[in-house]
Amino acid sequence: MKVQEVIDRILLDCCGGRRLEQTCDVLAGGSEEMEVTGIVTTFMATVEVIKEAIAAGANLIITHEPTYYTGNDTLDWLQQDPVYLAKKKLIEEHGLTIWRFHDHMHLADTDRIYDGLLKELDWADKKLDDKDAWGYLIEETTVGELAGFLKQRLGMKVIQIVGNPEAPCSRIGILVGGGSLGLGREQMPMELMQEKGLDVMVCGDITEWTLCAYINDAAMLGMNKAMIVIGHERSEEWGMKYMAEWLAPLVDGVPVTFVDAREPFVYL
């Protein structure tokens, strides 16, 4: 099976074959004509992920996020950069192809990044509204206990909270990755909390003067609002873990392995 055949089957399964005219879902290296010996799915094709793919005998890496440090993997500014040159050499020496699967994954019949996260949390049956993946009703707990649950399920050592850890909560919002920045509308996360009566927003990325400041003020005013920051990678990695499961039956016995890109942070 060639790379393009794998891509075609993925897009048919996710989107009925629908193709976006403008998308970042393109090759970041290699060739669509390459014969695939093994596939790795991951949040990001870091150097360590690439090395794990090589060790596993995989030559196609499907990554959710960019390989070369900007949203569209632009390369003009990198041509003399030693980090880029060393990474590119590693990829080329081992005959790897890297395909980014981002836009179509979020725009599938159900957002498959959320599907993976909900599978990891066992929250698929807790949606406030079947039409979206942003709101959930769970058994009443505290913000601190919810943070502990997320740390355990998502393999985190440290988690950030804004608000009172002792505050009760049951109506939970989730905005994965950059969604917590508002998807082009900075006020969107705050409006969502108000519209759905949310106690807690679980976030990927944050900007400290938007949702963070709103919740901080709300808590200082004695209102029952909080946020838990799990970061971009921890909020989206699970969609790529889940992808390894649904992709395997589509690729005629080609081995499919999930490799966790892991948080990029060292906590001191």
C-alpha atoms as a PDB file:
ATOM      1  CA  MET A   1       0.000   0.000   0.000  1.00  0.00           C
ATOM      2  CA  LYS A   2       1.304   3.424  -0.941  1.00  0.00           C
ATOM      3  CA  VAL A   3       1.123   6.555   1.196  1.00  0.00           C
ATOM      4  CA  GLN A   4      -1.569   8.117  -1.006  1.00  0.00           C
ATOM      5  CA  GLU A   5      -3.740   5.024  -0.649  1.00  0.00           C
ATOM      6  CA  VAL A   6      -3.497   5.279   3.133  1.00  0.00           C
ATOM      7  CA  ILE A   7      -4.432   8.972   3.012  1.00  0.00           C
ATOM      8  CA  ASP A   8      -7.363   8.278   0.671  1.00  0.00           C
ATOM      9  CA  ARG A   9      -8.753   5.585   2.958  1.00  0.00           C
ATOM     10  CA  ILE A  10      -8.415   7.795   6.026  1.00  0.00           C
ATOM     11  CA  LEU A  11     -10.262  10.696   4.399  1.00  0.00           C
ATOM     12  CA  LEU A  12     -12.972   8.390   3.060  1.00  0.00           C
ATOM     13  CA  ASP A  13     -13.509   6.926   6.528  1.00  0.00           C
ATOM     14  CA  CYS A  14     -13.487  10.290   8.328  1.00  0.00           C
ATOM     15  CA  CYS A  15     -15.130  12.637   5.862  1.00  0.00           C
ATOM     16  CA  GLY A  16     -16.720  10.469   3.203  1.00  0.00           C
ATOM     17  CA  GLY A  17     -13.881  11.461   0.908  1.00  0.00           C
ATOM     18  CA  ARG A  18     -14.605  15.198   1.252  1.00  0.00           C
ATOM     19  CA  ARG A  19     -11.431  17.260   0.663  1.00  0.00           C
ATOM     20  CA  LEU A  20     -10.765  20.781   1.890  1.00  0.00           C
ATOM     21  CA  GLU A  21      -9.403  23.087  -0.803  1.00  0.00           C
ATOM     22  CA  GLN A  22      -7.174  24.895   1.680  1.00  0.00           C
ATOM     23  CA  THR A  23      -5.645  22.709   4.375  1.00  0.00           C
ATOM     24  CA  CYS A  24      -2.486  22.062   6.329  1.00  0.00           C
ATOM     25  CA  ASP A  25      -3.052  18.303   5.853  1.00  0.00           C
ATOM     26  CA  VAL A  26      -0.099  17.821   3.514  1.00  0.00           C
ATOM     27  CA  LEU A  27       3.200  15.962   3.446  1.00  0.00           C
ATOM     28  CA  ALA A  28       5.992  17.432   5.570  1.00  0.00           C
ATOM     29  CA  GLY A  29       8.530  15.090   3.999  1.00  0.00           C
ATOM     30  CA  GLY A  30       8.761  12.006   1.809  1.00  0.00           C
ATOM     31  CA  SER A  31       6.530  10.911  -1.062  1.00  0.00           C
ATOM     32  CA  GLU A  32       2.916   9.875  -1.579  1.00  0.00           C
ATOM     33  CA  GLU A  33       4.237   7.088  -3.868  1.00  0.00           C
ATOM     34  CA  MET A  34       6.277   5.394  -1.114  1.00  0.00           C
ATOM     35  CA  GLU A  35       5.334   1.811  -0.210  1.00  0.00           C
ATOM     36  CA  VAL A  36       4.291   1.771   3.440  1.00  0.00           C
ATOM     37  CA  THR A  37       5.932  -0.794   5.725  1.00  0.00           C
ATOM     38  CA  GLY A  38       4.515   0.491   8.992  1.00  0.00           C
ATOM     39  CA  ILE A  39       2.614   3.482  10.349  1.00  0.00           C
ATOM     40  CA  VAL A  40       3.062   5.545  13.509  1.00  0.00           C
ATOM     41  CA  THR A  41       0.357   7.917  14.746  1.00  0.00           C
ATOM     42  CA  THR A  42       1.331  10.725  17.089  1.00  0.00           C
ATOM     43  CA  PHE A  43       0.459  14.239  18.235  1.00  0.00           C
ATOM     44  CA  MET A  44       3.764  15.609  16.876  1.00  0.00           C
ATOM     45  CA  ALA A  45       6.675  14.169  14.913  1.00  0.00           C
ATOM     46  CA  THR A  46       9.357  15.167  17.393  1.00  0.00           C
ATOM     47  CA  VAL A  47      12.889  13.824  17.030  1.00  0.00           C
ATOM     48  CA  GLU A  48      12.179  11.200  19.707  1.00  0.00           C
ATOM     49  CA  VAL A  49       8.969  10.118  17.978  1.00  0.00           C
ATOM     50  CA  ILE A  50      10.880   9.809  14.707  1.00  0.00           C
ATOM     51  CA  LYS A  51      13.492   7.623  16.402  1.00  0.00           C
ATOM     52  CA  GLU A  52      10.769   5.418  17.906  1.00  0.00           C
ATOM     53  CA  ALA A  53       9.137   5.073  14.480  1.00  0.00           C
ATOM     54  CA  ILE A  54      12.454   3.981  12.974  1.00  0.00           C
ATOM     55  CA  ALA A  55      12.949   1.434  15.759  1.00  0.00           C
ATOM     56  CA  ALA A  56       9.448   0.077  15.121  1.00  0.00           C
ATOM     57  CA  GLY A  57      10.127  -0.374  11.406  1.00  0.00           C
ATOM     58  CA  ALA A  58       7.560   2.241  10.407  1.00  0.00           C
ATOM     59  CA  ASN A  59       8.207   4.551   7.480  1.00  0.00           C
ATOM     60  CA  LEU A  60       4.988   6.627   7.560  1.00  0.00           C
ATOM     61  CA  ILE A  61       4.358   8.998  10.470  1.00  0.00           C
ATOM     62  CA  ILE A  62       0.900  10.557  10.752  1.00  0.00           C
ATOM     63  CA  THR A  63       1.180  13.630  12.926  1.00  0.00           C
ATOM     64  CA  HIS A  64      -1.579  15.932  14.136  1.00  0.00           C
ATOM     65  CA  GLU A  65       0.617  19.004  14.526  1.00  0.00           C
ATOM     66  CA  PRO A  66       3.391  20.592  12.429  1.00  0.00           C
ATOM     67  CA  THR A  67       6.815  19.061  11.990  1.00  0.00           C
ATOM     68  CA  TYR A  68       8.716  22.298  11.357  1.00  0.00           C
ATOM     69  CA  TYR A  69       7.588  24.815  13.975  1.00  0.00           C
ATOM     70  CA  THR A  70       4.945  26.929  12.196  1.00  0.00           C
ATOM     71  CA  GLY A  71       1.282  26.232  11.538  1.00  0.00           C
ATOM     72  CA  ASN A  72       1.794  25.567   7.830  1.00  0.00           C
ATOM     73  CA  ASP A  73       5.302  24.055   8.021  1.00  0.00           C
ATOM     74  CA  THR A  74       6.754  26.990   6.079  1.00  0.00           C
ATOM     75  CA  LEU A  75      10.401  26.315   5.271  1.00  0.00           C
ATOM     76  CA  ASP A  76      11.810  29.465   3.683  1.00  0.00           C
ATOM     77  CA  TRP A  77      13.088  30.834   7.000  1.00  0.00           C
ATOM     78  CA  LEU A  78      14.710  27.506   7.973  1.00  0.00           C
ATOM     79  CA  GLN A  79      17.048  26.789   5.083  1.00  0.00           C
ATOM     80  CA  GLN A  80      20.234  27.527   7.056  1.00  0.00           C
ATOM     81  CA  ASP A  81      18.871  26.538  10.478  1.00  0.00           C
ATOM     82  CA  PRO A  82      20.873  23.724  12.146  1.00  0.00           C
ATOM     83  CA  VAL A  83      17.852  22.246  13.980  1.00  0.00           C
ATOM     84  CA  TYR A  84      15.843  21.976  10.769  1.00  0.00           C
ATOM     85  CA  LEU A  85      18.777  20.580   8.788  1.00  0.00           C
ATOM     86  CA  ALA A  86      19.544  17.900  11.374  1.00  0.00           C
ATOM     87  CA  LYS A  87      15.886  16.822  11.647  1.00  0.00           C
ATOM     88  CA  LYS A  88      15.432  16.795   7.868  1.00  0.00           C
ATOM     89  CA  LYS A  89      18.578  14.672   7.521  1.00  0.00           C
ATOM     90  CA  LEU A  90      17.271  12.148  10.060  1.00  0.00           C
ATOM     91  CA  ILE A  91      13.976  11.861   8.182  1.00  0.00           C
ATOM     92  CA  GLU A  92      15.594  11.535   4.762  1.00  0.00           C
ATOM     93  CA  GLU A  93      18.330   9.095   5.822  1.00  0.00           C
ATOM     94  CA  HIS A  94      15.685   6.656   7.034  1.00  0.00           C
ATOM     95  CA  GLY A  95      13.344   7.096   4.082  1.00  0.00           C
ATOM     96  CA  LEU A  96      10.405   8.403   6.123  1.00  0.00           C
ATOM     97  CA  THR A  97       7.265  10.130   4.942  1.00  0.00           C
ATOM     98  CA  ILE A  98       5.381  12.437   7.323  1.00  0.00           C
ATOM     99  CA  TRP A  99       1.752  13.367   6.694  1.00  0.00           C
ATOM    100  CA  ARG A 100      -0.118  15.891   8.788  1.00  0.00           C
ATOM    101  CA  PHE A 101      -3.708  14.964   9.666  1.00  0.00           C
ATOM    102  CA  HIS A 102      -5.241  17.968  11.385  1.00  0.00           C
ATOM    103  CA  ASP A 103      -8.030  19.856   9.629  1.00  0.00           C
ATOM    104  CA  HIS A 104      -9.921  16.846   8.314  1.00  0.00           C
ATOM    105  CA  MET A 105      -9.593  15.102  11.679  1.00  0.00           C
ATOM    106  CA  HIS A 106     -11.319  17.958  13.487  1.00  0.00           C
ATOM    107  CA  LEU A 107     -13.938  18.264  10.726  1.00  0.00           C
ATOM    108  CA  ALA A 108     -14.864  14.571  10.581  1.00  0.00           C
ATOM    109  CA  ASP A 109     -18.448  13.460  11.273  1.00  0.00           C
ATOM    110  CA  THR A 110     -17.407  13.540  14.924  1.00  0.00           C
ATOM    111  CA  ASP A 111     -14.213  15.377  15.884  1.00  0.00           C
ATOM    112  CA  ARG A 112     -11.838  12.441  16.243  1.00  0.00           C
ATOM    113  CA  ILE A 113      -9.498  14.310  18.555  1.00  0.00           C
ATOM    114  CA  TYR A 114     -12.374  14.689  21.011  1.00  0.00           C
ATOM    115  CA  ASP A 115     -13.373  11.052  20.384  1.00  0.00           C
ATOM    116  CA  GLY A 116      -9.976   9.898  21.617  1.00  0.00           C
ATOM    117  CA  LEU A 117      -9.965  12.177  24.661  1.00  0.00           C
ATOM    118  CA  LEU A 118     -13.456  11.075  25.683  1.00  0.00           C
ATOM    119  CA  LYS A 119     -12.425   7.455  25.289  1.00  0.00           C
ATOM    120  CA  GLU A 120      -9.468   8.088  27.614  1.00  0.00           C
ATOM    121  CA  LEU A 121     -11.694   9.852  30.171  1.00  0.00           C
ATOM    122  CA  ASP A 122     -14.668   7.481  29.703  1.00  0.00           C
ATOM    123  CA  TRP A 123     -16.917  10.516  29.231  1.00  0.00           C
ATOM    124  CA  ALA A 124     -18.561   9.688  25.902  1.00  0.00           C
ATOM    125  CA  ASP A 125     -21.972   9.282  27.582  1.00  0.00           C
ATOM    126  CA  LYS A 126     -21.729  12.513  29.598  1.00  0.00           C
ATOM    127  CA  LYS A 127     -22.340  15.090  26.875  1.00  0.00           C
ATOM    128  CA  LEU A 128     -24.723  17.942  27.636  1.00  0.00           C
ATOM    129  CA  ASP A 129     -25.620  18.057  23.941  1.00  0.00           C
ATOM    130  CA  ASP A 130     -24.989  15.329  21.380  1.00  0.00           C
ATOM    131  CA  LYS A 131     -24.403  18.002  18.742  1.00  0.00           C
ATOM    132  CA  ASP A 132     -21.099  19.204  20.196  1.00  0.00           C
ATOM    133  CA  ALA A 133     -18.223  17.997  22.329  1.00  0.00           C
ATOM    134  CA  TRP A 134     -17.816  21.108  24.471  1.00  0.00           C
ATOM    135  CA  GLY A 135     -20.015  20.444  27.511  1.00  0.00           C
ATOM    136  CA  TYR A 136     -20.365  17.548  29.973  1.00  0.00           C
ATOM    137  CA  LEU A 137     -22.360  16.663  33.070  1.00  0.00           C
ATOM    138  CA  ILE A 138     -20.459  14.551  35.598  1.00  0.00           C
ATOM    139  CA  GLU A 139     -21.153  13.463  39.164  1.00  0.00           C
ATOM    140  CA  GLU A 140     -20.561  16.369  41.513  1.00  0.00           C
ATOM    141  CA  THR A 141     -16.979  16.632  42.699  1.00  0.00           C
ATOM    142  CA  THR A 142     -14.549  19.432  43.513  1.00  0.00           C
ATOM    143  CA  VAL A 143     -12.255  21.264  41.146  1.00  0.00           C
ATOM    144  CA  GLY A 144      -9.244  19.760  42.935  1.00  0.00           C
ATOM    145  CA  GLU A 145     -10.632  16.225  42.711  1.00  0.00           C
ATOM    146  CA  LEU A 146     -11.415  16.709  39.026  1.00  0.00           C
ATOM    147  CA  ALA A 147      -7.844  17.901  38.475  1.00  0.00           C
ATOM    148  CA  GLY A 148      -6.566  14.784  40.235  1.00  0.00           C
ATOM    149  CA  PHE A 149      -8.735  12.595  37.986  1.00  0.00           C
ATOM    150  CA  LEU A 150      -7.367  14.311  34.884  1.00  0.00           C
ATOM    151  CA  LYS A 151      -3.778  13.947  36.106  1.00  0.00           C
ATOM    152  CA  GLN A 152      -4.285  10.220  36.627  1.00  0.00           C
ATOM    153  CA  ARG A 153      -6.116   9.537  33.342  1.00  0.00           C
ATOM    154  CA  LEU A 154      -3.861  11.718  31.187  1.00  0.00           C
ATOM    155  CA  GLY A 155      -0.529  10.802  32.793  1.00  0.00           C
ATOM    156  CA  MET A 156       0.307  14.259  34.105  1.00  0.00           C
ATOM    157  CA  LYS A 157       2.646  15.153  36.963  1.00  0.00           C
ATOM    158  CA  VAL A 158       1.593  18.813  37.278  1.00  0.00           C
ATOM    159  CA  ILE A 159      -1.672  20.568  36.455  1.00  0.00           C
ATOM    160  CA  GLN A 160      -2.641  24.256  36.579  1.00  0.00           C
ATOM    161  CA  ILE A 161      -5.861  25.511  38.171  1.00  0.00           C
ATOM    162  CA  VAL A 162      -7.407  28.975  38.187  1.00  0.00           C
ATOM    163  CA  GLY A 163     -10.067  29.369  40.874  1.00  0.00           C
ATOM    164  CA  ASN A 164     -10.818  27.566  44.126  1.00  0.00           C
ATOM    165  CA  PRO A 165      -9.745  23.881  44.207  1.00  0.00           C
ATOM    166  CA  GLU A 166     -12.397  23.253  46.881  1.00  0.00           C
ATOM    167  CA  ALA A 167     -15.269  24.600  44.759  1.00  0.00           C
ATOM    168  CA  PRO A 168     -17.962  22.072  43.771  1.00  0.00           C
ATOM    169  CA  CYS A 169     -18.405  21.284  40.080  1.00  0.00           C
ATOM    170  CA  SER A 170     -20.444  19.072  37.810  1.00  0.00           C
ATOM    171  CA  ARG A 171     -20.951  21.015  34.558  1.00  0.00           C
ATOM    172  CA  ILE A 172     -17.647  20.804  32.714  1.00  0.00           C
ATOM    173  CA  GLY A 173     -16.484  22.326  29.431  1.00  0.00           C
ATOM    174  CA  ILE A 174     -13.595  21.064  27.316  1.00  0.00           C
ATOM    175  CA  LEU A 175     -11.804  23.096  24.643  1.00  0.00           C
ATOM    176  CA  VAL A 176      -8.879  21.073  23.327  1.00  0.00           C
ATOM    177  CA  GLY A 177      -5.683  22.441  21.816  1.00  0.00           C
ATOM    178  CA  GLY A 178      -6.034  25.980  20.527  1.00  0.00           C
ATOM    179  CA  GLY A 179      -9.826  25.842  20.818  1.00  0.00           C
ATOM    180  CA  SER A 180      -9.547  27.344  24.287  1.00  0.00           C
ATOM    181  CA  LEU A 181      -8.169  30.516  22.657  1.00  0.00           C
ATOM    182  CA  GLY A 182     -11.581  31.036  21.065  1.00  0.00           C
ATOM    183  CA  LEU A 183     -11.146  29.809  17.468  1.00  0.00           C
ATOM    184  CA  GLY A 184     -10.739  33.363  16.220  1.00  0.00           C
ATOM    185  CA  ARG A 185     -13.101  34.913  18.771  1.00  0.00           C
ATOM    186  CA  GLU A 186     -11.372  35.618  22.086  1.00  0.00           C
ATOM    187  CA  GLN A 187     -14.700  35.904  23.900  1.00  0.00           C
ATOM    188  CA  MET A 188     -16.010  32.511  22.744  1.00  0.00           C
ATOM    189  CA  PRO A 189     -14.832  30.475  25.800  1.00  0.00           C
ATOM    190  CA  MET A 190     -16.410  32.968  28.214  1.00  0.00           C
ATOM    191  CA  GLU A 191     -19.661  33.020  26.248  1.00  0.00           C
ATOM    192  CA  LEU A 192     -19.673  29.223  26.241  1.00  0.00           C
ATOM    193  CA  MET A 193     -19.300  29.107  30.020  1.00  0.00           C
ATOM    194  CA  GLN A 194     -22.233  31.500  30.409  1.00  0.00           C
ATOM    195  CA  GLU A 195     -24.500  29.846  27.825  1.00  0.00           C
ATOM    196  CA  LYS A 196     -24.023  26.328  29.189  1.00  0.00           C
ATOM    197  CA  GLY A 197     -23.776  27.312  32.862  1.00  0.00           C
ATOM    198  CA  LEU A 198     -20.355  25.679  33.173  1.00  0.00           C
ATOM    199  CA  ASP A 199     -18.526  25.413  36.489  1.00  0.00           C
ATOM    200  CA  VAL A 200     -15.129  24.467  35.026  1.00  0.00           C
ATOM    201  CA  MET A 201     -13.435  24.851  31.657  1.00  0.00           C
ATOM    202  CA  VAL A 202     -10.756  22.288  30.836  1.00  0.00           C
ATOM    203  CA  CYS A 203      -8.320  23.979  28.442  1.00  0.00           C
ATOM    204  CA  GLY A 204      -5.521  23.232  26.060  1.00  0.00           C
ATOM    205  CA  ASP A 205      -3.743  26.510  25.300  1.00  0.00           C
ATOM    206  CA  ILE A 206      -4.426  29.672  27.289  1.00  0.00           C
ATOM    207  CA  THR A 207      -3.944  33.418  26.969  1.00  0.00           C
ATOM    208  CA  GLU A 208      -3.703  34.929  30.424  1.00  0.00           C
ATOM    209  CA  TRP A 209      -5.700  38.086  29.623  1.00  0.00           C
ATOM    210  CA  THR A 210      -8.795  36.296  28.230  1.00  0.00           C
ATOM    211  CA  LEU A 211     -10.489  33.242  29.780  1.00  0.00           C
ATOM    212  CA  CYS A 212      -7.877  33.003  32.535  1.00  0.00           C
ATOM    213  CA  ALA A 213      -8.539  36.594  33.657  1.00  0.00           C
ATOM    214  CA  TYR A 214     -12.315  36.147  33.382  1.00  0.00           C
ATOM    215  CA  ILE A 215     -12.317  33.089  35.621  1.00  0.00           C
ATOM    216  CA  ASN A 216      -9.836  34.625  38.030  1.00  0.00           C
ATOM    217  CA  ASP A 217     -12.119  37.639  38.492  1.00  0.00           C
ATOM    218  CA  ALA A 218     -15.202  35.422  38.814  1.00  0.00           C
ATOM    219  CA  ALA A 219     -13.541  33.386  41.574  1.00  0.00           C
ATOM    220  CA  MET A 220     -12.449  36.561  43.374  1.00  0.00           C
ATOM    221  CA  LEU A 221     -16.084  37.705  43.292  1.00  0.00           C
ATOM    222  CA  GLY A 222     -17.169  34.468  44.955  1.00  0.00           C
ATOM    223  CA  MET A 223     -18.679  32.931  41.820  1.00  0.00           C
ATOM    224  CA  ASN A 224     -18.389  29.207  41.209  1.00  0.00           C
ATOM    225  CA  LYS A 225     -16.032  29.310  38.219  1.00  0.00           C
ATOM    226  CA  ALA A 226     -12.682  27.590  37.630  1.00  0.00           C
ATOM    227  CA  MET A 227     -10.415  26.390  34.871  1.00  0.00           C
ATOM    228  CA  ILE A 228      -8.017  23.486  34.584  1.00  0.00           C
ATOM    229  CA  VAL A 229      -5.163  23.774  32.100  1.00  0.00           C
ATOM    230  CA  ILE A 230      -3.936  20.478  30.656  1.00  0.00           C
ATOM    231  CA  GLY A 231      -2.076  21.960  27.684  1.00  0.00           C
ATOM    232  CA  HIS A 232      -2.264  21.479  23.936  1.00  0.00           C
ATOM    233  CA  GLU A 233      -0.426  18.159  23.771  1.00  0.00           C
ATOM    234  CA  ARG A 234      -2.181  16.426  26.693  1.00  0.00           C
ATOM    235  CA  SER A 235      -5.577  17.523  25.410  1.00  0.00           C
ATOM    236  CA  GLU A 236      -5.055  16.249  21.843  1.00  0.00           C
ATOM    237  CA  GLU A 237      -2.636  13.306  22.052  1.00  0.00           C
ATOM    238  CA  TRP A 238      -5.473  10.886  22.801  1.00  0.00           C
ATOM    239  CA  GLY A 239      -7.107  11.417  19.441  1.00  0.00           C
ATOM    240  CA  MET A 240      -3.930  10.081  17.847  1.00  0.00           C
ATOM    241  CA  LYS A 241      -3.852   7.153  20.267  1.00  0.00           C
ATOM    242  CA  TYR A 242      -7.421   6.308  19.307  1.00  0.00           C
ATOM    243  CA  MET A 243      -6.523   6.735  15.619  1.00  0.00           C
ATOM    244  CA  ALA A 244      -4.169   3.758  15.779  1.00  0.00           C
ATOM    245  CA  GLU A 245      -7.196   1.620  16.691  1.00  0.00           C
ATOM    246  CA  TRP A 246      -9.556   2.756  13.932  1.00  0.00           C
ATOM    247  CA  LEU A 247      -6.819   3.016  11.291  1.00  0.00           C
ATOM    248  CA  ALA A 248      -5.531  -0.564  11.621  1.00  0.00           C
ATOM    249  CA  PRO A 249      -8.532  -2.238   9.884  1.00  0.00           C
ATOM    250  CA  LEU A 250      -8.276   0.214   6.970  1.00  0.00           C
ATOM    251  CA  VAL A 251      -4.698  -0.564   5.894  1.00  0.00           C
ATOM    252  CA  ASP A 252      -4.697  -4.257   4.962  1.00  0.00           C
ATOM    253  CA  GLY A 253      -2.433  -5.586   7.706  1.00  0.00           C
ATOM    254  CA  VAL A 254       0.170  -2.803   7.670  1.00  0.00           C
ATOM    255  CA  PRO A 255       1.354  -2.478  11.307  1.00  0.00           C
ATOM    256  CA  VAL A 256       0.002   0.639  13.048  1.00  0.00           C
ATOM    257  CA  THR A 257       1.583   1.901  16.283  1.00  0.00           C
ATOM    258  CA  PHE A 258       0.775   4.872  18.479  1.00  0.00           C
ATOM    259  CA  VAL A 259       3.766   6.787  19.851  1.00  0.00           C
ATOM    260  CA  ASP A 260       3.116   9.302  22.627  1.00  0.00           C
ATOM    261  CA  ALA A 261       4.899  12.584  21.872  1.00  0.00           C
ATOM    262  CA  ARG A 262       4.656  13.425  25.590  1.00  0.00           C
ATOM    263  CA  GLU A 263       4.578  16.829  27.225  1.00  0.00           C
ATOM    264  CA  PRO A 264       7.516  19.032  26.169  1.00  0.00           C
ATOM    265  CA  PHE A 265       7.983  20.469  29.669  1.00  0.00           C
ATOM    266  CA  VAL A 266      10.425  19.629  32.461  1.00  0.00           C
ATOM    267  CA  TYR A 267       8.993  20.577  35.863  1.00  0.00           C
ATOM    268  CA  LEU A 268      11.419  21.703  38.564  1.00  0.00           C
END
